[in-house]
N, C-alpha and C. Protein backbone atom coordinates (compact mmCIF):
# COMPACT_ATOMS: atom_id res chain seq x y z
N MET A 1 0.84 -1.18 0.00
CA MET A 1 0.00 0.00 0.00
C MET A 1 0.88 1.24 0.00
N PRO A 2 0.64 2.20 -0.89
CA PRO A 2 1.46 3.40 -0.95
C PRO A 2 1.35 4.22 0.33
N GLU A 3 2.43 4.85 0.66
CA GLU A 3 2.53 5.66 1.87
C GLU A 3 2.08 7.09 1.59
N LEU A 4 1.44 7.73 2.59
CA LEU A 4 1.08 9.13 2.47
C LEU A 4 2.28 9.97 2.86
N VAL A 5 2.52 11.04 2.10
CA VAL A 5 3.60 11.96 2.42
C VAL A 5 3.03 13.38 2.54
N THR A 6 3.65 14.16 3.41
CA THR A 6 3.24 15.55 3.59
C THR A 6 3.91 16.40 2.52
N VAL A 7 3.11 17.10 1.73
CA VAL A 7 3.67 17.95 0.68
C VAL A 7 3.64 19.43 1.06
N ALA A 8 2.85 19.77 2.09
CA ALA A 8 2.80 21.16 2.54
C ALA A 8 2.14 21.21 3.90
N SER A 9 2.41 22.27 4.64
CA SER A 9 1.71 22.50 5.90
C SER A 9 1.31 23.97 5.94
N PHE A 10 0.20 24.23 6.63
CA PHE A 10 -0.40 25.56 6.64
C PHE A 10 -0.72 25.99 8.05
N GLY A 11 -0.75 27.29 8.27
CA GLY A 11 -1.04 27.84 9.58
C GLY A 11 -2.49 27.78 9.98
N THR A 12 -3.38 27.70 9.01
CA THR A 12 -4.81 27.63 9.32
C THR A 12 -5.47 26.54 8.49
N SER A 13 -6.60 26.07 8.99
CA SER A 13 -7.31 25.02 8.25
C SER A 13 -7.93 25.59 6.97
N ALA A 14 -8.23 26.88 6.96
CA ALA A 14 -8.79 27.50 5.75
C ALA A 14 -7.77 27.47 4.61
N GLU A 15 -6.52 27.84 4.90
CA GLU A 15 -5.47 27.78 3.88
C GLU A 15 -5.28 26.34 3.39
N ALA A 16 -5.29 25.41 4.34
CA ALA A 16 -5.10 24.01 3.98
C ALA A 16 -6.25 23.49 3.13
N ALA A 17 -7.47 23.91 3.45
CA ALA A 17 -8.65 23.46 2.67
C ALA A 17 -8.57 23.98 1.24
N ILE A 18 -8.11 25.20 1.07
CA ILE A 18 -7.96 25.75 -0.28
C ILE A 18 -6.92 24.95 -1.06
N ALA A 19 -5.81 24.65 -0.41
CA ALA A 19 -4.76 23.87 -1.06
C ALA A 19 -5.25 22.46 -1.38
N ARG A 20 -5.99 21.88 -0.47
CA ARG A 20 -6.54 20.54 -0.71
C ARG A 20 -7.46 20.55 -1.92
N SER A 21 -8.30 21.57 -2.03
CA SER A 21 -9.20 21.69 -3.18
C SER A 21 -8.41 21.80 -4.48
N ARG A 22 -7.33 22.55 -4.43
CA ARG A 22 -6.50 22.73 -5.62
C ARG A 22 -5.89 21.40 -6.06
N VAL A 23 -5.41 20.64 -5.09
CA VAL A 23 -4.80 19.35 -5.40
C VAL A 23 -5.86 18.36 -5.90
N GLU A 24 -7.03 18.36 -5.26
CA GLU A 24 -8.09 17.45 -5.69
C GLU A 24 -8.64 17.82 -7.06
N ALA A 25 -8.54 19.09 -7.45
CA ALA A 25 -8.95 19.51 -8.78
C ALA A 25 -8.07 18.88 -9.86
N GLU A 26 -6.87 18.49 -9.46
CA GLU A 26 -5.95 17.80 -10.39
C GLU A 26 -6.19 16.29 -10.41
N GLY A 27 -7.21 15.84 -9.66
CA GLY A 27 -7.52 14.42 -9.62
C GLY A 27 -6.67 13.63 -8.64
N ILE A 28 -6.11 14.30 -7.66
CA ILE A 28 -5.25 13.66 -6.67
C ILE A 28 -6.00 13.60 -5.34
N SER A 29 -6.05 12.43 -4.73
CA SER A 29 -6.67 12.31 -3.41
C SER A 29 -5.76 12.97 -2.39
N ALA A 30 -6.34 13.84 -1.57
CA ALA A 30 -5.55 14.58 -0.58
C ALA A 30 -6.23 14.50 0.78
N TYR A 31 -5.42 14.53 1.82
CA TYR A 31 -5.93 14.43 3.18
C TYR A 31 -5.28 15.50 4.04
N LEU A 32 -6.03 16.00 5.03
CA LEU A 32 -5.51 16.99 5.97
C LEU A 32 -5.34 16.33 7.33
N THR A 33 -4.21 16.60 7.97
CA THR A 33 -3.98 16.09 9.32
C THR A 33 -3.77 17.26 10.27
N ASP A 34 -4.08 17.05 11.53
CA ASP A 34 -3.93 18.04 12.61
C ASP A 34 -4.83 19.25 12.41
N GLU A 35 -5.85 19.12 11.58
CA GLU A 35 -6.77 20.22 11.31
C GLU A 35 -7.54 20.61 12.57
N GLU A 36 -8.01 19.61 13.30
CA GLU A 36 -8.85 19.88 14.47
C GLU A 36 -8.07 20.57 15.58
N ILE A 37 -6.84 20.13 15.83
CA ILE A 37 -6.05 20.72 16.91
C ILE A 37 -5.70 22.17 16.60
N VAL A 38 -5.39 22.46 15.35
CA VAL A 38 -5.05 23.83 14.97
C VAL A 38 -6.28 24.73 15.07
N ASP A 39 -7.45 24.19 14.70
CA ASP A 39 -8.68 24.98 14.82
C ASP A 39 -9.07 25.21 16.27
N ALA A 40 -8.90 24.19 17.10
CA ALA A 40 -9.34 24.28 18.49
C ALA A 40 -8.40 25.14 19.33
N ILE A 41 -7.11 24.93 19.17
CA ILE A 41 -6.13 25.65 19.98
C ILE A 41 -5.02 26.10 19.04
N TRP A 42 -5.03 27.35 18.63
CA TRP A 42 -4.09 27.81 17.61
C TRP A 42 -2.67 27.94 18.14
N ALA A 43 -2.48 28.11 19.46
CA ALA A 43 -1.15 28.32 20.01
C ALA A 43 -0.16 27.19 19.69
N PRO A 44 -0.54 25.90 19.83
CA PRO A 44 0.44 24.86 19.52
C PRO A 44 0.58 24.57 18.02
N ALA A 45 -0.11 25.34 17.19
CA ALA A 45 -0.04 25.08 15.75
C ALA A 45 1.40 25.13 15.24
N VAL A 46 2.19 26.06 15.76
CA VAL A 46 3.58 26.18 15.35
C VAL A 46 4.36 24.94 15.78
N ALA A 47 4.11 24.48 17.00
CA ALA A 47 4.85 23.34 17.53
C ALA A 47 4.56 22.05 16.76
N ILE A 48 3.32 21.86 16.33
CA ILE A 48 2.99 20.63 15.61
C ILE A 48 3.18 20.75 14.11
N GLY A 49 3.52 21.94 13.64
CA GLY A 49 3.79 22.11 12.22
C GLY A 49 2.58 22.50 11.40
N GLY A 50 1.52 22.95 12.04
CA GLY A 50 0.34 23.41 11.32
C GLY A 50 -0.49 22.27 10.76
N VAL A 51 -1.42 22.62 9.89
CA VAL A 51 -2.27 21.63 9.23
C VAL A 51 -1.49 21.07 8.05
N LYS A 52 -1.33 19.77 8.01
CA LYS A 52 -0.51 19.14 6.97
C LYS A 52 -1.38 18.59 5.85
N LEU A 53 -0.95 18.84 4.62
CA LEU A 53 -1.61 18.30 3.44
C LEU A 53 -0.82 17.09 2.99
N GLN A 54 -1.49 15.94 2.98
CA GLN A 54 -0.82 14.70 2.61
C GLN A 54 -1.46 14.08 1.37
N VAL A 55 -0.59 13.49 0.56
CA VAL A 55 -1.04 12.78 -0.64
C VAL A 55 -0.28 11.47 -0.74
N ASN A 56 -0.74 10.60 -1.64
CA ASN A 56 -0.05 9.36 -1.94
C ASN A 56 1.35 9.71 -2.43
N GLN A 57 2.36 8.95 -2.00
CA GLN A 57 3.75 9.28 -2.37
C GLN A 57 3.97 9.33 -3.87
N PHE A 58 3.19 8.58 -4.64
CA PHE A 58 3.37 8.58 -6.08
C PHE A 58 2.75 9.80 -6.75
N ASP A 59 1.86 10.49 -6.04
CA ASP A 59 1.22 11.70 -6.56
C ASP A 59 1.87 12.98 -6.03
N ALA A 60 2.91 12.84 -5.22
CA ALA A 60 3.50 14.01 -4.56
C ALA A 60 4.05 15.03 -5.55
N ASP A 61 4.71 14.56 -6.59
CA ASP A 61 5.28 15.50 -7.58
C ASP A 61 4.19 16.35 -8.23
N ARG A 62 3.10 15.69 -8.63
CA ARG A 62 1.99 16.43 -9.26
C ARG A 62 1.33 17.38 -8.26
N ALA A 63 1.22 16.96 -7.02
CA ALA A 63 0.60 17.81 -6.00
C ALA A 63 1.45 19.06 -5.76
N VAL A 64 2.75 18.89 -5.66
CA VAL A 64 3.65 20.03 -5.47
C VAL A 64 3.56 20.96 -6.67
N SER A 65 3.51 20.40 -7.87
CA SER A 65 3.37 21.22 -9.09
C SER A 65 2.07 22.02 -9.06
N ALA A 66 0.99 21.38 -8.65
CA ALA A 66 -0.32 22.06 -8.60
C ALA A 66 -0.29 23.19 -7.60
N LEU A 67 0.31 22.95 -6.44
CA LEU A 67 0.37 24.00 -5.41
C LEU A 67 1.30 25.13 -5.82
N GLN A 68 2.40 24.77 -6.43
CA GLN A 68 3.35 25.81 -6.85
C GLN A 68 2.77 26.67 -7.97
N SER A 69 2.02 26.06 -8.87
CA SER A 69 1.46 26.82 -9.99
C SER A 69 0.50 27.90 -9.53
N LYS A 70 -0.10 27.72 -8.38
CA LYS A 70 -1.03 28.71 -7.82
C LYS A 70 -0.39 29.55 -6.73
N GLY A 71 0.93 29.42 -6.55
CA GLY A 71 1.63 30.22 -5.55
C GLY A 71 1.35 29.82 -4.11
N MET A 72 0.93 28.59 -3.90
CA MET A 72 0.60 28.15 -2.54
C MET A 72 1.81 27.64 -1.78
N ILE A 73 2.88 27.30 -2.49
CA ILE A 73 4.15 26.97 -1.86
C ILE A 73 5.24 27.75 -2.57
N GLU A 74 6.35 27.97 -1.88
CA GLU A 74 7.38 28.85 -2.41
C GLU A 74 8.66 28.15 -2.83
N VAL A 75 8.64 26.86 -2.95
CA VAL A 75 9.85 26.16 -3.36
C VAL A 75 9.95 26.20 -4.88
N PRO A 76 11.10 26.63 -5.41
CA PRO A 76 11.26 26.61 -6.86
C PRO A 76 11.19 25.19 -7.39
N GLN A 77 10.45 25.01 -8.46
CA GLN A 77 10.24 23.68 -9.01
C GLN A 77 11.56 23.01 -9.35
N SER A 78 12.54 23.79 -9.82
CA SER A 78 13.82 23.21 -10.20
C SER A 78 14.51 22.55 -9.01
N GLU A 79 14.33 23.07 -7.80
CA GLU A 79 14.99 22.50 -6.63
C GLU A 79 14.48 21.11 -6.30
N TRP A 80 13.14 20.94 -6.27
CA TRP A 80 12.65 19.63 -5.87
C TRP A 80 12.71 18.64 -7.02
N GLN A 81 12.66 19.10 -8.27
CA GLN A 81 12.76 18.15 -9.37
C GLN A 81 14.18 17.62 -9.53
N LEU A 82 15.19 18.47 -9.30
CA LEU A 82 16.56 18.02 -9.47
C LEU A 82 16.92 16.92 -8.49
N THR A 83 16.39 16.99 -7.26
CA THR A 83 16.72 15.95 -6.28
C THR A 83 15.83 14.74 -6.44
N ASN A 84 14.72 14.87 -7.15
CA ASN A 84 13.75 13.79 -7.19
C ASN A 84 14.15 12.66 -8.12
N GLY A 85 14.60 12.97 -9.30
CA GLY A 85 14.93 11.92 -10.26
C GLY A 85 13.74 11.02 -10.52
N ASN A 86 13.94 9.71 -10.48
CA ASN A 86 12.85 8.76 -10.70
C ASN A 86 12.35 8.14 -9.41
N LYS A 87 12.89 8.57 -8.27
CA LYS A 87 12.47 7.99 -7.00
C LYS A 87 11.17 8.62 -6.54
N GLY A 88 10.54 7.99 -5.55
CA GLY A 88 9.35 8.58 -4.95
C GLY A 88 9.71 9.87 -4.24
N PHE A 89 8.75 10.73 -4.09
CA PHE A 89 8.98 12.05 -3.52
C PHE A 89 9.58 11.97 -2.11
N SER A 90 9.02 11.14 -1.25
CA SER A 90 9.49 11.07 0.14
C SER A 90 10.91 10.51 0.21
N GLU A 91 11.22 9.55 -0.66
CA GLU A 91 12.57 8.97 -0.66
C GLU A 91 13.59 9.99 -1.12
N SER A 92 13.23 10.83 -2.08
CA SER A 92 14.19 11.77 -2.64
C SER A 92 14.51 12.89 -1.67
N LEU A 93 13.63 13.17 -0.72
CA LEU A 93 13.87 14.27 0.21
C LEU A 93 14.57 13.82 1.49
N GLU A 94 14.74 12.52 1.67
CA GLU A 94 15.44 12.06 2.86
C GLU A 94 16.86 12.57 2.85
N GLY A 95 17.25 13.26 3.91
CA GLY A 95 18.60 13.79 4.02
C GLY A 95 18.84 15.06 3.24
N SER A 96 17.86 15.57 2.52
CA SER A 96 18.07 16.80 1.77
C SER A 96 17.75 18.00 2.64
N ASN A 97 18.15 19.16 2.21
CA ASN A 97 17.91 20.38 2.97
C ASN A 97 16.73 21.18 2.42
N ILE A 98 15.95 20.59 1.55
CA ILE A 98 14.83 21.30 0.97
C ILE A 98 13.73 21.43 2.00
N GLU A 99 13.25 22.64 2.19
CA GLU A 99 12.13 22.88 3.08
C GLU A 99 11.10 23.69 2.31
N PHE A 100 9.85 23.46 2.61
CA PHE A 100 8.79 24.16 1.93
C PHE A 100 8.27 25.29 2.79
N ASN A 101 8.24 26.50 2.26
CA ASN A 101 7.55 27.61 2.91
C ASN A 101 6.18 27.65 2.29
N VAL A 102 5.18 27.63 3.13
CA VAL A 102 3.83 27.53 2.61
C VAL A 102 2.98 28.68 3.09
N GLY A 103 1.80 28.80 2.47
CA GLY A 103 0.92 29.88 2.86
C GLY A 103 1.50 31.21 2.42
N PRO A 104 1.09 32.28 3.08
CA PRO A 104 1.61 33.57 2.70
C PRO A 104 3.11 33.64 2.97
N SER A 105 3.84 34.27 2.10
CA SER A 105 5.27 34.38 2.29
C SER A 105 5.56 35.26 3.49
N ALA A 106 6.78 35.15 4.00
CA ALA A 106 7.19 35.96 5.14
C ALA A 106 7.09 37.45 4.78
N LYS A 107 7.43 37.78 3.55
CA LYS A 107 7.38 39.19 3.14
C LYS A 107 5.95 39.72 3.20
N ARG A 108 4.99 38.93 2.71
CA ARG A 108 3.59 39.37 2.76
C ARG A 108 3.08 39.43 4.19
N ALA A 109 3.47 38.46 5.00
CA ALA A 109 3.02 38.44 6.40
C ALA A 109 3.57 39.65 7.15
N VAL A 110 4.83 40.00 6.89
CA VAL A 110 5.43 41.16 7.56
C VAL A 110 4.78 42.46 7.06
N SER A 111 4.45 42.52 5.77
CA SER A 111 3.75 43.70 5.24
C SER A 111 2.38 43.86 5.90
N ARG A 112 1.68 42.74 6.06
CA ARG A 112 0.38 42.79 6.74
C ARG A 112 0.56 43.19 8.20
N ALA A 113 1.62 42.69 8.83
CA ALA A 113 1.90 43.03 10.23
C ALA A 113 2.19 44.52 10.37
N PHE A 114 2.89 45.09 9.39
CA PHE A 114 3.18 46.53 9.42
C PHE A 114 1.89 47.34 9.36
N ARG A 115 1.01 46.98 8.42
CA ARG A 115 -0.26 47.70 8.32
C ARG A 115 -1.09 47.54 9.59
N ALA A 116 -1.09 46.34 10.14
CA ALA A 116 -1.84 46.11 11.38
C ALA A 116 -1.24 46.91 12.53
N ALA A 117 0.08 47.05 12.56
CA ALA A 117 0.73 47.82 13.62
C ALA A 117 0.34 49.30 13.52
N ILE A 118 0.25 49.82 12.31
CA ILE A 118 -0.17 51.22 12.13
C ILE A 118 -1.60 51.39 12.65
N PHE A 119 -2.48 50.47 12.29
CA PHE A 119 -3.86 50.53 12.80
C PHE A 119 -3.88 50.30 14.31
N GLY A 120 -2.90 49.54 14.80
CA GLY A 120 -2.79 49.28 16.23
C GLY A 120 -2.52 50.53 17.05
N LEU A 121 -2.03 51.56 16.41
CA LEU A 121 -1.85 52.84 17.11
C LEU A 121 -3.20 53.46 17.46
N ILE A 122 -4.22 53.09 16.73
CA ILE A 122 -5.56 53.62 16.96
C ILE A 122 -6.41 52.62 17.73
N MET A 123 -6.29 51.35 17.38
CA MET A 123 -7.11 50.30 18.01
C MET A 123 -6.21 49.18 18.51
N PRO A 124 -6.16 48.94 19.83
CA PRO A 124 -5.24 47.96 20.42
C PRO A 124 -5.33 46.54 19.85
N PRO A 125 -6.50 46.03 19.48
CA PRO A 125 -6.51 44.66 18.95
C PRO A 125 -5.64 44.47 17.70
N PHE A 126 -5.48 45.52 16.92
CA PHE A 126 -4.64 45.40 15.73
C PHE A 126 -3.17 45.21 16.10
N ALA A 127 -2.75 45.79 17.23
CA ALA A 127 -1.36 45.59 17.68
C ALA A 127 -1.13 44.13 18.02
N VAL A 128 -2.10 43.50 18.67
CA VAL A 128 -1.98 42.08 19.01
C VAL A 128 -1.97 41.24 17.74
N TYR A 129 -2.84 41.57 16.80
CA TYR A 129 -2.89 40.86 15.52
C TYR A 129 -1.55 41.00 14.79
N SER A 130 -0.98 42.18 14.84
CA SER A 130 0.30 42.43 14.19
C SER A 130 1.39 41.54 14.78
N LEU A 131 1.41 41.42 16.10
CA LEU A 131 2.40 40.55 16.74
C LEU A 131 2.18 39.09 16.36
N TRP A 132 0.92 38.68 16.24
CA TRP A 132 0.63 37.31 15.82
C TRP A 132 1.14 37.06 14.40
N LEU A 133 0.96 38.04 13.51
CA LEU A 133 1.45 37.89 12.14
C LEU A 133 2.97 37.78 12.11
N LEU A 134 3.67 38.52 12.97
CA LEU A 134 5.12 38.41 13.04
C LEU A 134 5.53 37.02 13.50
N LEU A 135 4.84 36.51 14.50
CA LEU A 135 5.12 35.16 14.98
C LEU A 135 4.91 34.15 13.86
N LYS A 136 3.84 34.31 13.13
CA LYS A 136 3.53 33.41 12.03
C LYS A 136 4.61 33.48 10.93
N ALA A 137 5.07 34.69 10.64
CA ALA A 137 6.09 34.87 9.60
C ALA A 137 7.39 34.18 9.99
N THR A 138 7.76 34.25 11.25
CA THR A 138 9.01 33.60 11.67
C THR A 138 8.84 32.10 11.81
N ALA A 139 7.66 31.65 12.19
CA ALA A 139 7.45 30.22 12.42
C ALA A 139 7.39 29.42 11.13
N TYR A 140 6.85 29.99 10.07
CA TYR A 140 6.67 29.24 8.83
C TYR A 140 7.65 29.63 7.74
N SER A 141 8.71 30.27 8.11
CA SER A 141 9.68 30.70 7.11
C SER A 141 11.05 30.13 7.46
N THR A 142 11.76 29.66 6.47
CA THR A 142 13.07 29.08 6.72
C THR A 142 14.17 30.14 6.67
N SER A 143 13.99 31.18 5.90
CA SER A 143 15.03 32.20 5.82
C SER A 143 14.38 33.58 5.69
N LEU A 144 14.92 34.50 6.47
CA LEU A 144 14.43 35.87 6.42
C LEU A 144 15.60 36.75 6.04
N ASN A 145 15.44 37.52 4.97
CA ASN A 145 16.54 38.37 4.55
C ASN A 145 16.61 39.63 5.42
N GLN A 146 17.63 40.42 5.21
CA GLN A 146 17.87 41.59 6.06
C GLN A 146 16.75 42.62 5.95
N THR A 147 16.21 42.82 4.77
CA THR A 147 15.12 43.78 4.60
C THR A 147 13.90 43.38 5.40
N ILE A 148 13.55 42.10 5.36
CA ILE A 148 12.40 41.61 6.12
C ILE A 148 12.68 41.75 7.62
N MET A 149 13.90 41.44 8.04
CA MET A 149 14.25 41.55 9.46
C MET A 149 14.14 43.00 9.94
N LEU A 150 14.59 43.95 9.12
CA LEU A 150 14.48 45.36 9.51
C LEU A 150 13.02 45.80 9.59
N ARG A 151 12.24 45.34 8.65
CA ARG A 151 10.81 45.67 8.67
C ARG A 151 10.13 45.06 9.90
N MET A 152 10.55 43.86 10.26
CA MET A 152 10.01 43.23 11.46
C MET A 152 10.38 44.03 12.71
N LEU A 153 11.61 44.53 12.76
CA LEU A 153 12.04 45.36 13.88
C LEU A 153 11.21 46.63 13.96
N LEU A 154 10.94 47.25 12.82
CA LEU A 154 10.09 48.44 12.78
C LEU A 154 8.69 48.12 13.30
N VAL A 155 8.14 47.00 12.89
CA VAL A 155 6.81 46.59 13.36
C VAL A 155 6.82 46.40 14.88
N LEU A 156 7.88 45.76 15.39
CA LEU A 156 7.98 45.57 16.83
C LEU A 156 8.06 46.90 17.57
N LEU A 157 8.80 47.85 17.02
CA LEU A 157 8.91 49.17 17.65
C LEU A 157 7.56 49.90 17.65
N ILE A 158 6.85 49.83 16.55
CA ILE A 158 5.52 50.47 16.48
C ILE A 158 4.59 49.82 17.49
N ASN A 159 4.62 48.50 17.56
CA ASN A 159 3.77 47.81 18.53
C ASN A 159 4.15 48.14 19.96
N ALA A 160 5.46 48.25 20.23
CA ALA A 160 5.90 48.62 21.58
C ALA A 160 5.39 50.02 21.93
N LEU A 161 5.45 50.92 20.97
CA LEU A 161 4.93 52.27 21.18
C LEU A 161 3.44 52.23 21.47
N ALA A 162 2.68 51.49 20.68
CA ALA A 162 1.24 51.40 20.86
C ALA A 162 0.89 50.78 22.21
N ILE A 163 1.56 49.70 22.57
CA ILE A 163 1.26 49.03 23.83
C ILE A 163 1.64 49.91 25.02
N THR A 164 2.77 50.60 24.92
CA THR A 164 3.17 51.53 25.99
C THR A 164 2.15 52.65 26.13
N PHE A 165 1.72 53.19 25.02
CA PHE A 165 0.72 54.26 25.02
C PHE A 165 -0.57 53.80 25.69
N TYR A 166 -1.06 52.65 25.31
CA TYR A 166 -2.32 52.14 25.88
C TYR A 166 -2.15 51.78 27.35
N THR A 167 -0.98 51.30 27.74
CA THR A 167 -0.73 50.99 29.15
C THR A 167 -0.75 52.26 29.97
N LEU A 168 -0.14 53.33 29.47
CA LEU A 168 -0.14 54.62 30.19
C LEU A 168 -1.56 55.17 30.30
N ILE A 169 -2.34 55.06 29.27
CA ILE A 169 -3.71 55.57 29.30
C ILE A 169 -4.55 54.77 30.31
N LEU A 170 -4.40 53.47 30.31
CA LEU A 170 -5.20 52.64 31.20
C LEU A 170 -4.76 52.77 32.66
N SER A 171 -3.49 53.10 32.91
CA SER A 171 -3.01 53.23 34.29
C SER A 171 -3.41 54.56 34.91
N ASN A 172 -3.78 55.54 34.12
CA ASN A 172 -4.20 56.86 34.67
C ASN A 172 -5.64 56.91 34.96
């Protein structure tokens, strides 16, 4: 019996459901794991690796292609195809350094966090949302370049300003 392999993981079940639909549109049977735990308690989602999209190991190449064609994963096709050869997808990745960044890219998540931080100066819940987006960007990204890191620092400073401001207002 063919083994199921994880081809992507997502921070929310909604993102995973969209990816699953995309893969199933290609005629590939797909399954989601850890969906319930991520929906029920979002805090350990990072620790368990989010909602995982799994497919039959023989369909993994097509599933990755389908997800990549719609921008749902950020691995360049040339990277995973070069290591794959004629072996099954899971076998070809054993011992390799290829990692998949899934869902929104770190750059998009940090841009959203910046906008939320600006709104957080007016409404405190946006500051909390901004911090959550930063956490998500770091948790699901394998590499962050210097520009993204500087933008993240700016977001943290804006949030620190907003939280300090609201703390002073509430303490008076």
